[in-house]
Amino acid sequence: MNLNWVHIAFSLADIVNKIGIATVAFWAAATVYERRHAPREEHLGAA
């Protein structure tokens, strides 16, 4: 068995995993930022 293919497969899986974690972290940070910097009317519940 050629170990180069195993290395490539694990490298691709690692990249996909890091992209997934980064996406979730970015989404969470964007949500927190939007809630903290929402206009004052939204905090008071006025539409």
PDB file of N, CA and C in Angstrom:
ATOM      1  N   MET A   1       0.849  -1.191   0.000  1.00  0.00           N
ATOM      2  CA  MET A   1       0.000   0.000   0.000  1.00  0.00           C
ATOM      3  C   MET A   1       0.886   1.242   0.000  1.00  0.00           C
ATOM      4  N   ASN A   2       0.543   2.174  -0.847  1.00  0.00           N
ATOM      5  CA  ASN A   2       1.321   3.398  -0.969  1.00  0.00           C
ATOM      6  C   ASN A   2       0.920   4.367   0.141  1.00  0.00           C
ATOM      7  N   LEU A   3       1.867   4.688   1.011  1.00  0.00           N
ATOM      8  CA  LEU A   3       1.569   5.554   2.151  1.00  0.00           C
ATOM      9  C   LEU A   3       1.371   7.010   1.751  1.00  0.00           C
ATOM     10  N   ASN A   4       1.771   7.368   0.532  1.00  0.00           N
ATOM     11  CA  ASN A   4       1.539   8.742   0.082  1.00  0.00           C
ATOM     12  C   ASN A   4       0.047   9.043   0.014  1.00  0.00           C
ATOM     13  N   TRP A   5      -0.756   8.079  -0.424  1.00  0.00           N
ATOM     14  CA  TRP A   5      -2.205   8.279  -0.506  1.00  0.00           C
ATOM     15  C   TRP A   5      -2.818   8.416   0.877  1.00  0.00           C
ATOM     16  N   VAL A   6      -2.298   7.651   1.838  1.00  0.00           N
ATOM     17  CA  VAL A   6      -2.793   7.763   3.212  1.00  0.00           C
ATOM     18  C   VAL A   6      -2.484   9.150   3.753  1.00  0.00           C
ATOM     19  N   HIS A   7      -1.284   9.633   3.495  1.00  0.00           N
ATOM     20  CA  HIS A   7      -0.888  10.963   3.954  1.00  0.00           C
ATOM     21  C   HIS A   7      -1.763  12.042   3.312  1.00  0.00           C
ATOM     22  N   ILE A   8      -2.018  11.910   2.021  1.00  0.00           N
ATOM     23  CA  ILE A   8      -2.868  12.886   1.327  1.00  0.00           C
ATOM     24  C   ILE A   8      -4.282  12.862   1.894  1.00  0.00           C
ATOM     25  N   ALA A   9      -4.803  11.665   2.140  1.00  0.00           N
ATOM     26  CA  ALA A   9      -6.161  11.554   2.682  1.00  0.00           C
ATOM     27  C   ALA A   9      -6.257  12.198   4.057  1.00  0.00           C
ATOM     28  N   PHE A  10      -5.288  11.941   4.924  1.00  0.00           N
ATOM     29  CA  PHE A  10      -5.316  12.545   6.254  1.00  0.00           C
ATOM     30  C   PHE A  10      -5.125  14.056   6.185  1.00  0.00           C
ATOM     31  N   SER A  11      -4.298  14.523   5.261  1.00  0.00           N
ATOM     32  CA  SER A  11      -4.098  15.968   5.103  1.00  0.00           C
ATOM     33  C   SER A  11      -5.384  16.650   4.654  1.00  0.00           C
ATOM     34  N   LEU A  12      -6.080  16.044   3.699  1.00  0.00           N
ATOM     35  CA  LEU A  12      -7.349  16.617   3.243  1.00  0.00           C
ATOM     36  C   LEU A  12      -8.393  16.603   4.352  1.00  0.00           C
ATOM     37  N   ALA A  13      -8.444  15.522   5.124  1.00  0.00           N
ATOM     38  CA  ALA A  13      -9.392  15.457   6.235  1.00  0.00           C
ATOM     39  C   ALA A  13      -9.070  16.527   7.271  1.00  0.00           C
ATOM     40  N   ASP A  14      -7.794  16.778   7.511  1.00  0.00           N
ATOM     41  CA  ASP A  14      -7.387  17.809   8.468  1.00  0.00           C
ATOM     42  C   ASP A  14      -7.796  19.192   7.977  1.00  0.00           C
ATOM     43  N   ILE A  15      -7.624  19.443   6.691  1.00  0.00           N
ATOM     44  CA  ILE A  15      -8.011  20.742   6.125  1.00  0.00           C
ATOM     45  C   ILE A  15      -9.518  20.948   6.244  1.00  0.00           C
ATOM     46  N   VAL A  16     -10.294  19.921   5.909  1.00  0.00           N
ATOM     47  CA  VAL A  16     -11.752  20.019   6.008  1.00  0.00           C
ATOM     48  C   VAL A  16     -12.163  20.270   7.449  1.00  0.00           C
ATOM     49  N   ASN A  17     -11.526  19.585   8.389  1.00  0.00           N
ATOM     50  CA  ASN A  17     -11.833  19.762   9.807  1.00  0.00           C
ATOM     51  C   ASN A  17     -11.536  21.193  10.253  1.00  0.00           C
ATOM     52  N   LYS A  18     -10.403  21.736   9.848  1.00  0.00           N
ATOM     53  CA  LYS A  18     -10.037  23.101  10.247  1.00  0.00           C
ATOM     54  C   LYS A  18     -10.974  24.130   9.622  1.00  0.00           C
ATOM     55  N   ILE A  19     -11.392  23.903   8.396  1.00  0.00           N
ATOM     56  CA  ILE A  19     -12.337  24.824   7.758  1.00  0.00           C
ATOM     57  C   ILE A  19     -13.667  24.802   8.502  1.00  0.00           C
ATOM     58  N   GLY A  20     -14.113  23.623   8.909  1.00  0.00           N
ATOM     59  CA  GLY A  20     -15.367  23.515   9.659  1.00  0.00           C
ATOM     60  C   GLY A  20     -15.302  24.242  10.985  1.00  0.00           C
ATOM     61  N   ILE A  21     -14.211  24.058  11.711  1.00  0.00           N
ATOM     62  CA  ILE A  21     -14.042  24.736  13.000  1.00  0.00           C
ATOM     63  C   ILE A  21     -13.979  26.245  12.799  1.00  0.00           C
ATOM     64  N   ALA A  22     -13.249  26.684  11.783  1.00  0.00           N
ATOM     65  CA  ALA A  22     -13.135  28.120  11.514  1.00  0.00           C
ATOM     66  C   ALA A  22     -14.487  28.716  11.131  1.00  0.00           C
ATOM     67  N   THR A  23     -15.282  27.976  10.381  1.00  0.00           N
ATOM     68  CA  THR A  23     -16.605  28.460   9.983  1.00  0.00           C
ATOM     69  C   THR A  23     -17.514  28.636  11.191  1.00  0.00           C
ATOM     70  N   VAL A  24     -17.513  27.658  12.083  1.00  0.00           N
ATOM     71  CA  VAL A  24     -18.339  27.751  13.289  1.00  0.00           C
ATOM     72  C   VAL A  24     -17.865  28.899  14.171  1.00  0.00           C
ATOM     73  N   ALA A  25     -16.551  29.059  14.329  1.00  0.00           N
ATOM     74  CA  ALA A  25     -16.017  30.141  15.154  1.00  0.00           C
ATOM     75  C   ALA A  25     -16.376  31.502  14.559  1.00  0.00           C
ATOM     76  N   PHE A  26     -16.273  31.648  13.245  1.00  0.00           N
ATOM     77  CA  PHE A  26     -16.621  32.908  12.593  1.00  0.00           C
ATOM     78  C   PHE A  26     -18.100  33.211  12.756  1.00  0.00           C
ATOM     79  N   TRP A  27     -18.945  32.206  12.567  1.00  0.00           N
ATOM     80  CA  TRP A  27     -20.391  32.395  12.706  1.00  0.00           C
ATOM     81  C   TRP A  27     -20.747  32.823  14.125  1.00  0.00           C
ATOM     82  N   ALA A  28     -20.126  32.179  15.109  1.00  0.00           N
ATOM     83  CA  ALA A  28     -20.405  32.531  16.505  1.00  0.00           C
ATOM     84  C   ALA A  28     -19.943  33.957  16.804  1.00  0.00           C
ATOM     85  N   ALA A  29     -18.764  34.320  16.338  1.00  0.00           N
ATOM     86  CA  ALA A  29     -18.255  35.673  16.576  1.00  0.00           C
ATOM     87  C   ALA A  29     -19.122  36.715  15.877  1.00  0.00           C
ATOM     88  N   ALA A  30     -19.569  36.430  14.673  1.00  0.00           N
ATOM     89  CA  ALA A  30     -20.424  37.373  13.949  1.00  0.00           C
ATOM     90  C   ALA A  30     -21.759  37.552  14.661  1.00  0.00           C
ATOM     91  N   THR A  31     -22.301  36.468  15.202  1.00  0.00           N
ATOM     92  CA  THR A  31     -23.566  36.553  15.930  1.00  0.00           C
ATOM     93  C   THR A  31     -23.415  37.405  17.181  1.00  0.00           C
ATOM     94  N   VAL A  32     -22.350  37.176  17.934  1.00  0.00           N
ATOM     95  CA  VAL A  32     -22.111  37.963  19.148  1.00  0.00           C
ATOM     96  C   VAL A  32     -21.904  39.427  18.785  1.00  0.00           C
ATOM     97  N   TYR A  33     -21.144  39.692  17.728  1.00  0.00           N
ATOM     98  CA  TYR A  33     -20.889  41.070  17.312  1.00  0.00           C
ATOM     99  C   TYR A  33     -22.189  41.775  16.924  1.00  0.00           C
ATOM    100  N   GLU A  34     -23.037  41.081  16.162  1.00  0.00           N
ATOM    101  CA  GLU A  34     -24.305  41.689  15.745  1.00  0.00           C
ATOM    102  C   GLU A  34     -25.196  41.994  16.940  1.00  0.00           C
ATOM    103  N   ARG A  35     -25.217  41.113  17.913  1.00  0.00           N
ATOM    104  CA  ARG A  35     -26.060  41.346  19.092  1.00  0.00           C
ATOM    105  C   ARG A  35     -25.534  42.501  19.937  1.00  0.00           C
ATOM    106  N   ARG A  36     -24.229  42.632  20.037  1.00  0.00           N
ATOM    107  CA  ARG A  36     -23.652  43.706  20.857  1.00  0.00           C
ATOM    108  C   ARG A  36     -23.725  45.059  20.175  1.00  0.00           C
ATOM    109  N   HIS A  37     -23.759  45.065  18.847  1.00  0.00           N
ATOM    110  CA  HIS A  37     -23.752  46.330  18.115  1.00  0.00           C
ATOM    111  C   HIS A  37     -25.078  46.595  17.411  1.00  0.00           C
ATOM    112  N   ALA A  38     -26.142  45.996  17.899  1.00  0.00           N
ATOM    113  CA  ALA A  38     -27.465  46.230  17.318  1.00  0.00           C
ATOM    114  C   ALA A  38     -27.923  47.640  17.677  1.00  0.00           C
ATOM    115  N   PRO A  39     -28.740  48.250  16.831  1.00  0.00           N
ATOM    116  CA  PRO A  39     -29.285  49.575  17.165  1.00  0.00           C
ATOM    117  C   PRO A  39     -30.076  49.530  18.471  1.00  0.00           C
ATOM    118  N   ARG A  40     -30.126  50.648  19.143  1.00  0.00           N
ATOM    119  CA  ARG A  40     -30.777  50.725  20.450  1.00  0.00           C
ATOM    120  C   ARG A  40     -32.243  50.304  20.387  1.00  0.00           C
ATOM    121  N   GLU A  41     -32.931  50.596  19.269  1.00  0.00           N
ATOM    122  CA  GLU A  41     -34.341  50.246  19.159  1.00  0.00           C
ATOM    123  C   GLU A  41     -34.548  48.735  19.232  1.00  0.00           C
ATOM    124  N   GLU A  42     -33.616  47.961  18.673  1.00  0.00           N
ATOM    125  CA  GLU A  42     -33.758  46.510  18.700  1.00  0.00           C
ATOM    126  C   GLU A  42     -33.622  45.978  20.120  1.00  0.00           C
ATOM    127  N   HIS A  43     -32.791  46.614  20.929  1.00  0.00           N
ATOM    128  CA  HIS A  43     -32.630  46.173  22.308  1.00  0.00           C
ATOM    129  C   HIS A  43     -33.889  46.442  23.123  1.00  0.00           C
ATOM    130  N   LEU A  44     -34.618  47.483  22.767  1.00  0.00           N
ATOM    131  CA  LEU A  44     -35.814  47.836  23.522  1.00  0.00           C
ATOM    132  C   LEU A  44     -37.039  47.057  23.055  1.00  0.00           C
ATOM    133  N   GLY A  45     -36.905  46.337  21.956  1.00  0.00           N
ATOM    134  CA  GLY A  45     -38.010  45.544  21.457  1.00  0.00           C
ATOM    135  C   GLY A  45     -38.929  46.300  20.518  1.00  0.00           C
ATOM    136  N   ALA A  46     -38.607  47.532  20.176  1.00  0.00           N
ATOM    137  CA  ALA A  46     -39.443  48.307  19.253  1.00  0.00           C
ATOM    138  C   ALA A  46     -39.138  47.867  17.823  1.00  0.00           C
ATOM    139  N   ALA A  47     -40.163  47.797  17.020  1.00  0.00           N
ATOM    140  CA  ALA A  47     -39.961  47.370  15.630  1.00  0.00           C
ATOM    141  C   ALA A  47     -39.932  48.564  14.708  1.00  0.00           C
TER     142      ALA A  47
END
